[in-house]
Amino acid sequence: MELNNENSNYRTGDIVYVFYRNPHTQDVANIQATTIVNNPEKLTDLALFMYETYYPLSDEMAVYATEEEANQAYNFYYGSTEREN
């Protein structure tokens, strides 16, 4: 699966989806909705605002425009998002 990261197409206020790793449990990744905002350290750049923290938006980040796209990528890289019984 090829990552299609056209992060330059996002605008302030867009809701996007990213993979977020728990900082205390690195082997756990979740899909997290987040907002595109102006980077407060460099107002001409964009950032993700998640958990009260700004993350500069770069082409190295896997950002998805829809939750469905994020789920497809998550399934490809990590396996099913559904709980297995």
Protein backbone atom coordinates (compact mmCIF):
# COMPACT_ATOMS: atom_id res chain seq x y z
CA MET A 1 0.00 0.00 0.00
CA GLU A 2 1.41 3.36 -0.98
CA LEU A 3 1.07 6.28 1.40
CA ASN A 4 -0.60 9.21 -0.28
CA ASN A 5 0.55 12.12 1.83
CA GLU A 6 -0.32 15.37 0.18
CA ASN A 7 -0.11 17.24 3.48
CA SER A 8 0.20 20.54 1.61
CA ASN A 9 -3.48 20.19 0.61
CA TYR A 10 -4.78 20.65 4.17
CA ARG A 11 -6.08 23.91 5.59
CA THR A 12 -6.53 25.34 9.05
CA GLY A 13 -9.66 23.85 10.64
CA ASP A 14 -9.60 20.56 8.71
CA ILE A 15 -10.28 17.44 10.77
CA VAL A 16 -7.87 14.64 9.84
CA TYR A 17 -6.94 11.20 11.16
CA VAL A 18 -3.51 9.98 12.24
CA PHE A 19 -2.02 6.96 13.96
CA TYR A 20 -1.17 7.78 17.56
CA ARG A 21 1.12 5.63 19.69
CA ASN A 22 0.61 5.59 23.42
CA PRO A 23 3.81 7.12 24.85
CA HIS A 24 3.68 4.67 27.77
CA THR A 25 2.94 1.55 25.69
CA GLN A 26 4.75 1.84 22.34
CA ASP A 27 3.25 -1.35 20.89
CA VAL A 28 -0.27 0.15 20.98
CA ALA A 29 -1.40 2.36 18.09
CA ASN A 30 -4.81 3.95 17.64
CA ILE A 31 -6.48 6.09 15.02
CA GLN A 32 -6.98 9.57 16.39
CA ALA A 33 -9.02 12.44 14.96
CA THR A 34 -7.16 15.75 15.17
CA THR A 35 -7.40 19.29 13.86
CA ILE A 36 -5.12 21.16 11.46
CA VAL A 37 -4.10 24.52 12.99
CA ASN A 38 -1.51 27.23 12.44
CA ASN A 39 1.75 26.31 14.10
CA PRO A 40 2.09 28.77 17.02
CA GLU A 41 5.89 28.71 16.70
CA LYS A 42 5.83 29.52 12.97
CA LEU A 43 2.47 30.94 11.90
CA THR A 44 3.09 30.35 8.20
CA ASP A 45 3.26 26.57 8.81
CA LEU A 46 0.55 24.13 9.75
CA ALA A 47 0.46 21.77 12.71
CA LEU A 48 -1.71 19.04 14.18
CA PHE A 49 -3.27 19.88 17.54
CA MET A 50 -3.75 16.72 19.56
CA TYR A 51 -3.86 16.13 23.30
CA GLU A 52 -3.09 19.80 24.02
CA THR A 53 0.14 19.55 21.99
CA TYR A 54 1.14 21.00 18.60
CA TYR A 55 2.87 18.66 16.13
CA PRO A 56 4.36 20.39 13.05
CA LEU A 57 2.75 19.00 9.89
CA SER A 58 5.27 17.47 7.52
CA ASP A 59 5.28 15.14 4.54
CA GLU A 60 6.79 12.48 6.81
CA MET A 61 3.51 12.20 8.72
CA ALA A 62 0.82 9.75 7.66
CA VAL A 63 -2.30 11.93 7.68
CA TYR A 64 -5.64 10.74 6.34
CA ALA A 65 -8.55 12.92 5.25
CA THR A 66 -11.20 10.40 6.29
CA GLU A 67 -11.56 7.84 9.04
CA GLU A 68 -12.21 5.19 6.37
CA GLU A 69 -8.83 5.88 4.72
CA ALA A 70 -7.14 5.71 8.12
CA ASN A 71 -8.84 2.40 8.91
CA GLN A 72 -7.75 0.90 5.56
CA ALA A 73 -4.13 1.94 6.16
CA TYR A 74 -4.24 0.74 9.77
CA ASN A 75 -5.55 -2.65 8.65
CA PHE A 76 -2.81 -2.88 6.04
CA TYR A 77 0.02 -2.02 8.44
CA TYR A 78 -1.22 -3.33 11.79
CA GLY A 79 -4.00 -5.83 11.06
CA SER A 80 -7.71 -5.53 11.71
CA THR A 81 -9.10 -2.67 13.81
CA GLU A 82 -11.91 -5.01 14.89
CA ARG A 83 -11.50 -6.97 18.10
CA GLU A 84 -10.93 -10.62 17.39
CA ASN A 85 -12.76 -13.15 19.60
